[in-house]
Amino acid sequence: MQFTRNRFNVSGTGRASSALFACMLACILGSLLAGCAGLRDDARGGGSGGDSDMRDTPCEECGARGEIELKITDEKSYREWNAKAYSRMDSSAVVGVFPTLRVKAMRPEVCKMCHSFSADALDFDLAHVEDSLFVNAFPKMQRELMLPGMRLPDKDSLYIDTLSVRLLNSAFADGKKLGDFTPWVERDGIEQAFSREVPAKLKDLLSGIASRYEVRYLSLPLVLEVEMDPDLGKSGGYTWKIAWSLWDARYGELVFLVYSEFTAATTSRVAPEKEWAAPFASRLWKMFSTDLNRLESH
């Protein structure tokens, strides 16, 4: 079964320390995620709809002692950065942190390791990774969660409900929608500095958000798709696809974009019942930590 919805939930103030920010994030997402407006799709094979599959009986291996050990294969990747936008990065500015605009969580009808797997759980796990990377890359940057009651006033609820759809449907690379993986899949293996022209409508939308909420940057996880596969590896596994972006919203420019796709298969008896975003952390950090002055496009 599948449920798709646009995901704008809650966020928090970045003035606090990283630990406090993460705590706020956990509390907020845990209590309000179910009512978010972002696109959420919980797909259960063979079903026709329903809840987030929390009724599954946990497998014996789930929660077993030890780390989840994964072998990564079938990897595809692309990343691009705007050297001009990167060179003027203000490490003490305010960054608006958006939840993933569209999340698709897919699983078989029968899946003992999927009892905690859902679109919201995936997004929460990704948010934890993002926060850890941001505080390491930009410790002085003020991170603000872009949701009503947080950086956004409650009266903007209707506006924010439509924003994810507007962003995802905005034309971008090759004239395709921002929510389309195709341009990045076709550029598999490429890493390049590229001052991509941002269409006027998208530029105006981004700069309007920056002006309205007094933020300089926007972190936008665009689309996340994860499919659980109990037959992968020793104890199951999953496939992962994501397009993640950072924007200088004041100028309506892309700072960088990362596309990451891979298959993760377990190599031990510990099932992948959590921490699905862990392999992506190092791939996103590669962009955060790159010294662009020493990097050659290829």
C-alpha atoms as a PDB file:
ATOM      1  CA  MET A   1       0.000   0.000   0.000  1.00  0.00           C
ATOM      2  CA  GLN A   2       1.109   3.547  -0.483  1.00  0.00           C
ATOM      3  CA  PHE A   3       0.459   6.804   1.242  1.00  0.00           C
ATOM      4  CA  THR A   4       1.931   9.999  -0.167  1.00  0.00           C
ATOM      5  CA  ARG A   5       1.739  13.356   1.476  1.00  0.00           C
ATOM      6  CA  ASN A   6       3.795  16.502   1.561  1.00  0.00           C
ATOM      7  CA  ARG A   7       5.929  16.752   4.593  1.00  0.00           C
ATOM      8  CA  PHE A   8       6.060  19.983   6.499  1.00  0.00           C
ATOM      9  CA  ASN A   9       5.968  19.194  10.172  1.00  0.00           C
ATOM     10  CA  VAL A  10       7.678  20.846  12.965  1.00  0.00           C
ATOM     11  CA  SER A  11      10.957  22.311  13.558  1.00  0.00           C
ATOM     12  CA  GLY A  12      12.975  24.022  16.162  1.00  0.00           C
ATOM     13  CA  THR A  13      15.231  26.897  16.941  1.00  0.00           C
ATOM     14  CA  GLY A  14      18.865  26.609  16.083  1.00  0.00           C
ATOM     15  CA  ARG A  15      20.121  28.960  18.779  1.00  0.00           C
ATOM     16  CA  ALA A  16      20.432  26.055  21.177  1.00  0.00           C
ATOM     17  CA  SER A  17      23.307  23.628  21.219  1.00  0.00           C
ATOM     18  CA  SER A  18      23.304  20.679  18.840  1.00  0.00           C
ATOM     19  CA  ALA A  19      22.206  18.348  21.621  1.00  0.00           C
ATOM     20  CA  LEU A  20      19.265  20.558  22.526  1.00  0.00           C
ATOM     21  CA  PHE A  21      18.373  20.982  18.874  1.00  0.00           C
ATOM     22  CA  ALA A  22      18.390  17.227  18.365  1.00  0.00           C
ATOM     23  CA  CYS A  23      16.287  16.733  21.491  1.00  0.00           C
ATOM     24  CA  MET A  24      13.760  19.294  20.315  1.00  0.00           C
ATOM     25  CA  LEU A  25      13.717  17.677  16.919  1.00  0.00           C
ATOM     26  CA  ALA A  26      13.012  14.262  18.392  1.00  0.00           C
ATOM     27  CA  CYS A  27      10.218  15.516  20.626  1.00  0.00           C
ATOM     28  CA  ILE A  28       8.607  17.618  17.935  1.00  0.00           C
ATOM     29  CA  LEU A  29       8.790  15.072  15.171  1.00  0.00           C
ATOM     30  CA  GLY A  30       7.651  12.314  17.450  1.00  0.00           C
ATOM     31  CA  SER A  31       4.509  14.167  18.472  1.00  0.00           C
ATOM     32  CA  LEU A  32       3.582  16.009  15.298  1.00  0.00           C
ATOM     33  CA  LEU A  33       4.927  13.956  12.433  1.00  0.00           C
ATOM     34  CA  ALA A  34       1.617  12.247  11.878  1.00  0.00           C
ATOM     35  CA  GLY A  35       0.009  15.556  10.988  1.00  0.00           C
ATOM     36  CA  CYS A  36       2.662  16.816   8.611  1.00  0.00           C
ATOM     37  CA  ALA A  37       1.839  18.184   5.200  1.00  0.00           C
ATOM     38  CA  GLY A  38       4.798  16.804   3.263  1.00  0.00           C
ATOM     39  CA  LEU A  39       4.369  14.048   0.700  1.00  0.00           C
ATOM     40  CA  ARG A  40       4.428  10.746   2.555  1.00  0.00           C
ATOM     41  CA  ASP A  41       4.086   7.357   0.933  1.00  0.00           C
ATOM     42  CA  ASP A  42       4.071   4.175   3.013  1.00  0.00           C
ATOM     43  CA  ALA A  43       3.877   1.378   0.454  1.00  0.00           C
ATOM     44  CA  ARG A  44       3.007  -2.121   1.571  1.00  0.00           C
ATOM     45  CA  GLY A  45       3.188  -4.792  -1.096  1.00  0.00           C
ATOM     46  CA  GLY A  46      -0.062  -6.586  -1.773  1.00  0.00           C
ATOM     47  CA  GLY A  47      -2.115  -4.197   0.357  1.00  0.00           C
ATOM     48  CA  SER A  48      -4.574  -1.476  -0.486  1.00  0.00           C
ATOM     49  CA  GLY A  49      -3.918   1.068   2.219  1.00  0.00           C
ATOM     50  CA  GLY A  50      -3.700   1.369   5.951  1.00  0.00           C
ATOM     51  CA  ASP A  51      -1.483   2.515   8.779  1.00  0.00           C
ATOM     52  CA  SER A  52       2.297   2.594   9.076  1.00  0.00           C
ATOM     53  CA  ASP A  53       2.544  -1.164   9.652  1.00  0.00           C
ATOM     54  CA  MET A  54       3.351  -0.963  13.347  1.00  0.00           C
ATOM     55  CA  ARG A  55       1.302  -4.150  13.834  1.00  0.00           C
ATOM     56  CA  ASP A  56       4.093  -6.398  12.549  1.00  0.00           C
ATOM     57  CA  THR A  57       5.543  -8.814  15.056  1.00  0.00           C
ATOM     58  CA  PRO A  58       9.233  -7.973  15.536  1.00  0.00           C
ATOM     59  CA  CYS A  59      11.701 -10.538  14.257  1.00  0.00           C
ATOM     60  CA  GLU A  60      13.972 -12.331  16.697  1.00  0.00           C
ATOM     61  CA  GLU A  61      17.042 -10.705  15.191  1.00  0.00           C
ATOM     62  CA  CYS A  62      15.623  -7.188  15.533  1.00  0.00           C
ATOM     63  CA  GLY A  63      17.095  -5.447  18.530  1.00  0.00           C
ATOM     64  CA  ALA A  64      19.809  -8.072  18.818  1.00  0.00           C
ATOM     65  CA  ARG A  65      23.075  -7.025  20.394  1.00  0.00           C
ATOM     66  CA  GLY A  66      25.684  -5.602  18.103  1.00  0.00           C
ATOM     67  CA  GLU A  67      25.816  -3.058  15.326  1.00  0.00           C
ATOM     68  CA  ILE A  68      23.862  -3.252  12.106  1.00  0.00           C
ATOM     69  CA  GLU A  69      26.509  -4.311   9.591  1.00  0.00           C
ATOM     70  CA  LEU A  70      25.835  -3.474   5.958  1.00  0.00           C
ATOM     71  CA  LYS A  71      27.505  -4.128   2.632  1.00  0.00           C
ATOM     72  CA  ILE A  72      26.858  -1.354   0.111  1.00  0.00           C
ATOM     73  CA  THR A  73      26.520  -2.320  -3.564  1.00  0.00           C
ATOM     74  CA  ASP A  74      24.930  -1.080  -6.799  1.00  0.00           C
ATOM     75  CA  GLU A  75      25.875   2.465  -5.912  1.00  0.00           C
ATOM     76  CA  LYS A  76      25.083   5.473  -8.080  1.00  0.00           C
ATOM     77  CA  SER A  77      25.908   9.050  -7.211  1.00  0.00           C
ATOM     78  CA  TYR A  78      26.037  12.576  -8.514  1.00  0.00           C
ATOM     79  CA  ARG A  79      26.964  15.857  -6.939  1.00  0.00           C
ATOM     80  CA  GLU A  80      27.244  19.407  -8.152  1.00  0.00           C
ATOM     81  CA  TRP A  81      28.100  22.658  -6.437  1.00  0.00           C
ATOM     82  CA  ASN A  82      27.970  26.333  -7.311  1.00  0.00           C
ATOM     83  CA  ALA A  83      31.505  27.582  -6.658  1.00  0.00           C
ATOM     84  CA  LYS A  84      30.378  31.209  -6.445  1.00  0.00           C
ATOM     85  CA  ALA A  85      27.622  30.453  -3.939  1.00  0.00           C
ATOM     86  CA  TYR A  86      29.954  28.198  -1.968  1.00  0.00           C
ATOM     87  CA  SER A  87      32.701  30.846  -1.820  1.00  0.00           C
ATOM     88  CA  ARG A  88      30.398  33.326  -0.122  1.00  0.00           C
ATOM     89  CA  MET A  89      29.015  30.880   2.434  1.00  0.00           C
ATOM     90  CA  ASP A  90      28.221  32.685   5.676  1.00  0.00           C
ATOM     91  CA  SER A  91      28.923  30.119   8.378  1.00  0.00           C
ATOM     92  CA  SER A  92      27.103  32.191  11.012  1.00  0.00           C
ATOM     93  CA  ALA A  93      23.914  32.780   9.028  1.00  0.00           C
ATOM     94  CA  VAL A  94      20.461  31.307   9.630  1.00  0.00           C
ATOM     95  CA  VAL A  95      19.569  28.128   7.753  1.00  0.00           C
ATOM     96  CA  GLY A  96      15.957  27.051   7.450  1.00  0.00           C
ATOM     97  CA  VAL A  97      15.724  23.285   7.901  1.00  0.00           C
ATOM     98  CA  PHE A  98      12.923  21.627   5.962  1.00  0.00           C
ATOM     99  CA  PRO A  99      11.721  18.062   6.423  1.00  0.00           C
ATOM    100  CA  THR A 100      12.062  15.878   3.331  1.00  0.00           C
ATOM    101  CA  LEU A 101       9.619  17.173   0.741  1.00  0.00           C
ATOM    102  CA  ARG A 102       8.573  13.712  -0.435  1.00  0.00           C
ATOM    103  CA  VAL A 103       9.240  10.359   1.250  1.00  0.00           C
ATOM    104  CA  LYS A 104       8.285   6.989  -0.206  1.00  0.00           C
ATOM    105  CA  ALA A 105       8.656   4.006   2.145  1.00  0.00           C
ATOM    106  CA  MET A 106       8.135   0.630   0.441  1.00  0.00           C
ATOM    107  CA  ARG A 107       7.991  -2.831   2.014  1.00  0.00           C
ATOM    108  CA  PRO A 108       6.597  -6.310   1.365  1.00  0.00           C
ATOM    109  CA  GLU A 109       3.261  -7.328   2.823  1.00  0.00           C
ATOM    110  CA  VAL A 110       5.062  -9.773   5.119  1.00  0.00           C
ATOM    111  CA  CYS A 111       8.152  -8.212   6.672  1.00  0.00           C
ATOM    112  CA  LYS A 112       9.126  -9.022  10.252  1.00  0.00           C
ATOM    113  CA  MET A 113      11.966  -6.508  10.269  1.00  0.00           C
ATOM    114  CA  CYS A 114       9.656  -3.675   9.154  1.00  0.00           C
ATOM    115  CA  HIS A 115       7.753  -3.140  12.406  1.00  0.00           C
ATOM    116  CA  SER A 116       9.339   0.294  12.940  1.00  0.00           C
ATOM    117  CA  PHE A 117       9.676   1.193   9.261  1.00  0.00           C
ATOM    118  CA  SER A 118       7.594   4.069   7.888  1.00  0.00           C
ATOM    119  CA  ALA A 119       7.980   7.260   5.878  1.00  0.00           C
ATOM    120  CA  ASP A 120       8.011   9.343   9.038  1.00  0.00           C
ATOM    121  CA  ALA A 121      10.587   7.079  10.698  1.00  0.00           C
ATOM    122  CA  LEU A 122      12.831   7.436   7.646  1.00  0.00           C
ATOM    123  CA  ASP A 123      12.555  11.202   7.684  1.00  0.00           C
ATOM    124  CA  PHE A 124      13.251  11.376  11.402  1.00  0.00           C
ATOM    125  CA  ASP A 125      16.345   9.200  10.947  1.00  0.00           C
ATOM    126  CA  LEU A 126      17.568  11.407   8.098  1.00  0.00           C
ATOM    127  CA  ALA A 127      16.969  14.554  10.156  1.00  0.00           C
ATOM    128  CA  HIS A 128      19.183  13.164  12.911  1.00  0.00           C
ATOM    129  CA  VAL A 129      21.993  12.599  10.393  1.00  0.00           C
ATOM    130  CA  GLU A 130      21.571  16.077   8.905  1.00  0.00           C
ATOM    131  CA  ASP A 131      21.760  17.767  12.288  1.00  0.00           C
ATOM    132  CA  SER A 132      24.968  15.944  13.191  1.00  0.00           C
ATOM    133  CA  LEU A 133      26.613  16.940   9.908  1.00  0.00           C
ATOM    134  CA  PHE A 134      25.511  20.560  10.095  1.00  0.00           C
ATOM    135  CA  VAL A 135      26.899  21.084  13.572  1.00  0.00           C
ATOM    136  CA  ASN A 136      30.248  19.641  12.464  1.00  0.00           C
ATOM    137  CA  ALA A 137      30.449  21.578   9.208  1.00  0.00           C
ATOM    138  CA  PHE A 138      28.959  24.869  10.421  1.00  0.00           C
ATOM    139  CA  PRO A 139      29.013  24.956  14.236  1.00  0.00           C
ATOM    140  CA  LYS A 140      28.042  28.651  14.348  1.00  0.00           C
ATOM    141  CA  MET A 141      25.185  28.388  11.888  1.00  0.00           C
ATOM    142  CA  GLN A 142      21.761  28.939  13.434  1.00  0.00           C
ATOM    143  CA  ARG A 143      19.438  26.125  12.382  1.00  0.00           C
ATOM    144  CA  GLU A 144      15.695  26.777  12.366  1.00  0.00           C
ATOM    145  CA  LEU A 145      13.017  24.171  11.686  1.00  0.00           C
ATOM    146  CA  MET A 146      10.656  25.556   9.061  1.00  0.00           C
ATOM    147  CA  LEU A 147       7.261  24.643  10.449  1.00  0.00           C
ATOM    148  CA  PRO A 148       4.261  26.427  11.959  1.00  0.00           C
ATOM    149  CA  GLY A 149       4.800  27.172  15.618  1.00  0.00           C
ATOM    150  CA  MET A 150       8.562  27.140  15.142  1.00  0.00           C
ATOM    151  CA  ARG A 151      10.257  29.520  12.686  1.00  0.00           C
ATOM    152  CA  LEU A 152       6.910  29.948  10.979  1.00  0.00           C
ATOM    153  CA  PRO A 153       3.899  31.557  12.668  1.00  0.00           C
ATOM    154  CA  ASP A 154       0.842  29.359  13.141  1.00  0.00           C
ATOM    155  CA  LYS A 155      -1.144  31.529  10.739  1.00  0.00           C
ATOM    156  CA  ASP A 156       1.076  30.313   7.888  1.00  0.00           C
ATOM    157  CA  SER A 157      -0.183  26.734   8.129  1.00  0.00           C
ATOM    158  CA  LEU A 158      -2.159  26.901   4.881  1.00  0.00           C
ATOM    159  CA  TYR A 159       0.756  28.478   3.033  1.00  0.00           C
ATOM    160  CA  ILE A 160       3.211  25.850   4.169  1.00  0.00           C
ATOM    161  CA  ASP A 161       0.780  23.051   3.304  1.00  0.00           C
ATOM    162  CA  THR A 162       1.183  23.849  -0.389  1.00  0.00           C
ATOM    163  CA  LEU A 163       4.848  24.808  -0.384  1.00  0.00           C
ATOM    164  CA  SER A 164       6.325  21.332  -0.749  1.00  0.00           C
ATOM    165  CA  VAL A 165       4.210  20.666  -3.836  1.00  0.00           C
ATOM    166  CA  ARG A 166       5.196  24.007  -5.355  1.00  0.00           C
ATOM    167  CA  LEU A 167       8.874  23.307  -4.767  1.00  0.00           C
ATOM    168  CA  LEU A 168       8.789  19.749  -6.097  1.00  0.00           C
ATOM    169  CA  ASN A 169       6.866  20.813  -9.204  1.00  0.00           C
ATOM    170  CA  SER A 170       9.219  23.702  -9.975  1.00  0.00           C
ATOM    171  CA  ALA A 171      11.196  23.331 -13.198  1.00  0.00           C
ATOM    172  CA  PHE A 172      14.935  22.922 -12.669  1.00  0.00           C
ATOM    173  CA  ALA A 173      17.589  20.752 -14.373  1.00  0.00           C
ATOM    174  CA  ASP A 174      16.918  19.932 -18.036  1.00  0.00           C
ATOM    175  CA  GLY A 175      13.504  21.537 -17.628  1.00  0.00           C
ATOM    176  CA  LYS A 176      12.419  18.657 -15.394  1.00  0.00           C
ATOM    177  CA  LYS A 177      10.721  19.064 -12.036  1.00  0.00           C
ATOM    178  CA  LEU A 178      12.826  19.517  -8.933  1.00  0.00           C
ATOM    179  CA  GLY A 179      11.318  16.301  -7.571  1.00  0.00           C
ATOM    180  CA  ASP A 180      12.490  14.226 -10.557  1.00  0.00           C
ATOM    181  CA  PHE A 181      15.505  11.930 -10.050  1.00  0.00           C
ATOM    182  CA  THR A 182      16.113  11.541 -13.806  1.00  0.00           C
ATOM    183  CA  PRO A 183      18.694  14.333 -14.368  1.00  0.00           C
ATOM    184  CA  TRP A 184      20.892  12.988 -11.577  1.00  0.00           C
ATOM    185  CA  VAL A 185      20.595   9.299 -12.473  1.00  0.00           C
ATOM    186  CA  GLU A 186      21.641  10.171 -16.025  1.00  0.00           C
ATOM    187  CA  ARG A 187      24.748  11.877 -14.633  1.00  0.00           C
ATOM    188  CA  ASP A 188      25.826   8.922 -12.502  1.00  0.00           C
ATOM    189  CA  GLY A 189      29.427   9.164 -11.334  1.00  0.00           C
ATOM    190  CA  ILE A 190      29.850  12.857 -12.137  1.00  0.00           C
ATOM    191  CA  GLU A 191      31.096  15.436  -9.634  1.00  0.00           C
ATOM    192  CA  GLN A 192      31.208  18.960 -10.978  1.00  0.00           C
ATOM    193  CA  ALA A 193      31.263  22.658 -10.272  1.00  0.00           C
ATOM    194  CA  PHE A 194      28.313  24.030 -12.177  1.00  0.00           C
ATOM    195  CA  SER A 195      26.590  27.408 -11.991  1.00  0.00           C
ATOM    196  CA  ARG A 196      23.211  26.079 -13.029  1.00  0.00           C
ATOM    197  CA  GLU A 197      20.714  28.699 -14.078  1.00  0.00           C
ATOM    198  CA  VAL A 198      17.790  28.634 -11.661  1.00  0.00           C
ATOM    199  CA  PRO A 199      14.469  29.328 -13.422  1.00  0.00           C
ATOM    200  CA  ALA A 200      12.901  32.637 -12.434  1.00  0.00           C
ATOM    201  CA  LYS A 201       9.843  31.078 -10.757  1.00  0.00           C
ATOM    202  CA  LEU A 202      11.949  28.855  -8.517  1.00  0.00           C
ATOM    203  CA  LYS A 203      14.382  31.672  -7.778  1.00  0.00           C
ATOM    204  CA  ASP A 204      11.513  33.947  -6.755  1.00  0.00           C
ATOM    205  CA  LEU A 205       9.964  31.206  -4.620  1.00  0.00           C
ATOM    206  CA  LEU A 206      13.225  30.622  -2.744  1.00  0.00           C
ATOM    207  CA  SER A 207      14.025  34.289  -2.235  1.00  0.00           C
ATOM    208  CA  GLY A 208      10.444  34.870  -1.102  1.00  0.00           C
ATOM    209  CA  ILE A 209      10.838  32.215   1.604  1.00  0.00           C
ATOM    210  CA  ALA A 210      14.141  33.768   2.692  1.00  0.00           C
ATOM    211  CA  SER A 211      12.619  37.227   2.953  1.00  0.00           C
ATOM    212  CA  ARG A 212       9.397  36.122   4.612  1.00  0.00           C
ATOM    213  CA  TYR A 213      11.085  34.105   7.359  1.00  0.00           C
ATOM    214  CA  GLU A 214      14.423  35.917   7.596  1.00  0.00           C
ATOM    215  CA  VAL A 215      16.646  32.978   6.728  1.00  0.00           C
ATOM    216  CA  ARG A 216      19.694  32.957   4.458  1.00  0.00           C
ATOM    217  CA  TYR A 217      19.941  29.288   3.542  1.00  0.00           C
ATOM    218  CA  LEU A 218      17.487  26.440   3.074  1.00  0.00           C
ATOM    219  CA  SER A 219      18.358  22.774   3.454  1.00  0.00           C
ATOM    220  CA  LEU A 220      15.942  20.862   1.244  1.00  0.00           C
ATOM    221  CA  PRO A 221      15.962  17.068   1.196  1.00  0.00           C
ATOM    222  CA  LEU A 222      13.928  16.798  -1.985  1.00  0.00           C
ATOM    223  CA  VAL A 223      12.914  13.171  -2.453  1.00  0.00           C
ATOM    224  CA  LEU A 224      13.715  10.038  -0.439  1.00  0.00           C
ATOM    225  CA  GLU A 225      12.725   6.531  -1.563  1.00  0.00           C
ATOM    226  CA  VAL A 226      13.557   3.434   0.477  1.00  0.00           C
ATOM    227  CA  GLU A 227      12.433  -0.140  -0.177  1.00  0.00           C
ATOM    228  CA  MET A 228      12.895  -2.892   2.399  1.00  0.00           C
ATOM    229  CA  ASP A 229      13.916  -6.366   1.179  1.00  0.00           C
ATOM    230  CA  PRO A 230      13.971  -9.218   3.746  1.00  0.00           C
ATOM    231  CA  ASP A 231      15.876 -11.436   1.281  1.00  0.00           C
ATOM    232  CA  LEU A 232      18.950  -9.210   1.042  1.00  0.00           C
ATOM    233  CA  GLY A 233      22.071 -10.316   2.903  1.00  0.00           C
ATOM    234  CA  LYS A 234      21.983 -12.420   6.055  1.00  0.00           C
ATOM    235  CA  SER A 235      19.196 -10.550   7.816  1.00  0.00           C
ATOM    236  CA  GLY A 236      17.580  -8.372   5.186  1.00  0.00           C
ATOM    237  CA  GLY A 237      18.414  -5.048   3.632  1.00  0.00           C
ATOM    238  CA  TYR A 238      17.051  -2.163   1.618  1.00  0.00           C
ATOM    239  CA  THR A 239      17.548   0.075  -1.394  1.00  0.00           C
ATOM    240  CA  TRP A 240      18.006   3.804  -0.894  1.00  0.00           C
ATOM    241  CA  LYS A 241      17.558   6.784  -3.235  1.00  0.00           C
ATOM    242  CA  ILE A 242      17.760  10.440  -2.266  1.00  0.00           C
ATOM    243  CA  ALA A 243      18.258  13.886  -3.767  1.00  0.00           C
ATOM    244  CA  TRP A 244      19.445  16.358  -1.112  1.00  0.00           C
ATOM    245  CA  SER A 245      20.096  20.058  -1.661  1.00  0.00           C
ATOM    246  CA  LEU A 246      21.299  23.225   0.053  1.00  0.00           C
ATOM    247  CA  TRP A 247      20.251  26.624  -1.290  1.00  0.00           C
ATOM    248  CA  ASP A 248      21.329  30.210  -0.802  1.00  0.00           C
ATOM    249  CA  ALA A 249      17.718  31.300  -0.690  1.00  0.00           C
ATOM    250  CA  ARG A 250      18.502  35.002  -0.418  1.00  0.00           C
ATOM    251  CA  TYR A 251      19.977  34.920  -3.922  1.00  0.00           C
ATOM    252  CA  GLY A 252      17.813  32.070  -5.184  1.00  0.00           C
ATOM    253  CA  GLU A 253      20.853  29.942  -5.994  1.00  0.00           C
ATOM    254  CA  LEU A 254      21.767  26.308  -5.487  1.00  0.00           C
ATOM    255  CA  VAL A 255      24.804  25.855  -3.227  1.00  0.00           C
ATOM    256  CA  PHE A 256      25.079  22.122  -3.820  1.00  0.00           C
ATOM    257  CA  LEU A 257      23.047  19.041  -4.636  1.00  0.00           C
ATOM    258  CA  VAL A 258      23.812  15.407  -3.840  1.00  0.00           C
ATOM    259  CA  TYR A 259      22.134  12.361  -5.360  1.00  0.00           C
ATOM    260  CA  SER A 260      22.821   9.013  -3.708  1.00  0.00           C
ATOM    261  CA  GLU A 261      21.496   5.570  -4.606  1.00  0.00           C
ATOM    262  CA  PHE A 262      22.621   2.207  -3.240  1.00  0.00           C
ATOM    263  CA  THR A 263      21.645  -1.236  -2.021  1.00  0.00           C
ATOM    264  CA  ALA A 264      22.425  -2.050   1.617  1.00  0.00           C
ATOM    265  CA  ALA A 265      22.561  -5.747   2.579  1.00  0.00           C
ATOM    266  CA  THR A 266      23.244  -7.046   6.075  1.00  0.00           C
ATOM    267  CA  THR A 267      26.366  -9.100   6.769  1.00  0.00           C
ATOM    268  CA  SER A 268      25.356 -10.150  10.294  1.00  0.00           C
ATOM    269  CA  ARG A 269      22.284 -11.371  12.200  1.00  0.00           C
ATOM    270  CA  VAL A 270      21.288  -7.844  13.208  1.00  0.00           C
ATOM    271  CA  ALA A 271      18.368  -6.756  11.022  1.00  0.00           C
ATOM    272  CA  PRO A 272      18.141  -3.202   9.610  1.00  0.00           C
ATOM    273  CA  GLU A 273      15.184  -2.111  11.719  1.00  0.00           C
ATOM    274  CA  LYS A 274      16.572   1.413  12.217  1.00  0.00           C
ATOM    275  CA  GLU A 275      19.358   3.806  11.209  1.00  0.00           C
ATOM    276  CA  TRP A 276      18.583   3.480   7.505  1.00  0.00           C
ATOM    277  CA  ALA A 277      20.236   6.841   6.784  1.00  0.00           C
ATOM    278  CA  ALA A 278      23.571   5.835   8.333  1.00  0.00           C
ATOM    279  CA  PRO A 279      25.286   4.896   5.031  1.00  0.00           C
ATOM    280  CA  PHE A 280      24.147   8.185   3.492  1.00  0.00           C
ATOM    281  CA  ALA A 281      25.819  10.193   6.248  1.00  0.00           C
ATOM    282  CA  SER A 282      29.333   9.684   4.884  1.00  0.00           C
ATOM    283  CA  ARG A 283      28.157  10.439   1.354  1.00  0.00           C
ATOM    284  CA  LEU A 284      26.554  13.731   2.360  1.00  0.00           C
ATOM    285  CA  TRP A 285      29.516  14.591   4.581  1.00  0.00           C
ATOM    286  CA  LYS A 286      31.783  14.237   1.553  1.00  0.00           C
ATOM    287  CA  MET A 287      30.087  17.321   0.125  1.00  0.00           C
ATOM    288  CA  PHE A 288      29.991  19.234   3.402  1.00  0.00           C
ATOM    289  CA  SER A 289      33.690  18.634   4.026  1.00  0.00           C
ATOM    290  CA  THR A 290      35.055  19.103   0.497  1.00  0.00           C
ATOM    291  CA  ASP A 291      37.700  21.785   0.022  1.00  0.00           C
ATOM    292  CA  LEU A 292      36.458  23.226  -3.242  1.00  0.00           C
ATOM    293  CA  ASN A 293      39.679  25.160  -3.781  1.00  0.00           C
ATOM    294  CA  ARG A 294      41.492  21.859  -4.234  1.00  0.00           C
ATOM    295  CA  LEU A 295      38.784  20.004  -6.087  1.00  0.00           C
ATOM    296  CA  GLU A 296      38.910  19.601  -9.839  1.00  0.00           C
ATOM    297  CA  SER A 297      35.764  18.986 -11.817  1.00  0.00           C
ATOM    298  CA  HIS A 298      35.704  15.694 -13.650  1.00  0.00           C
END
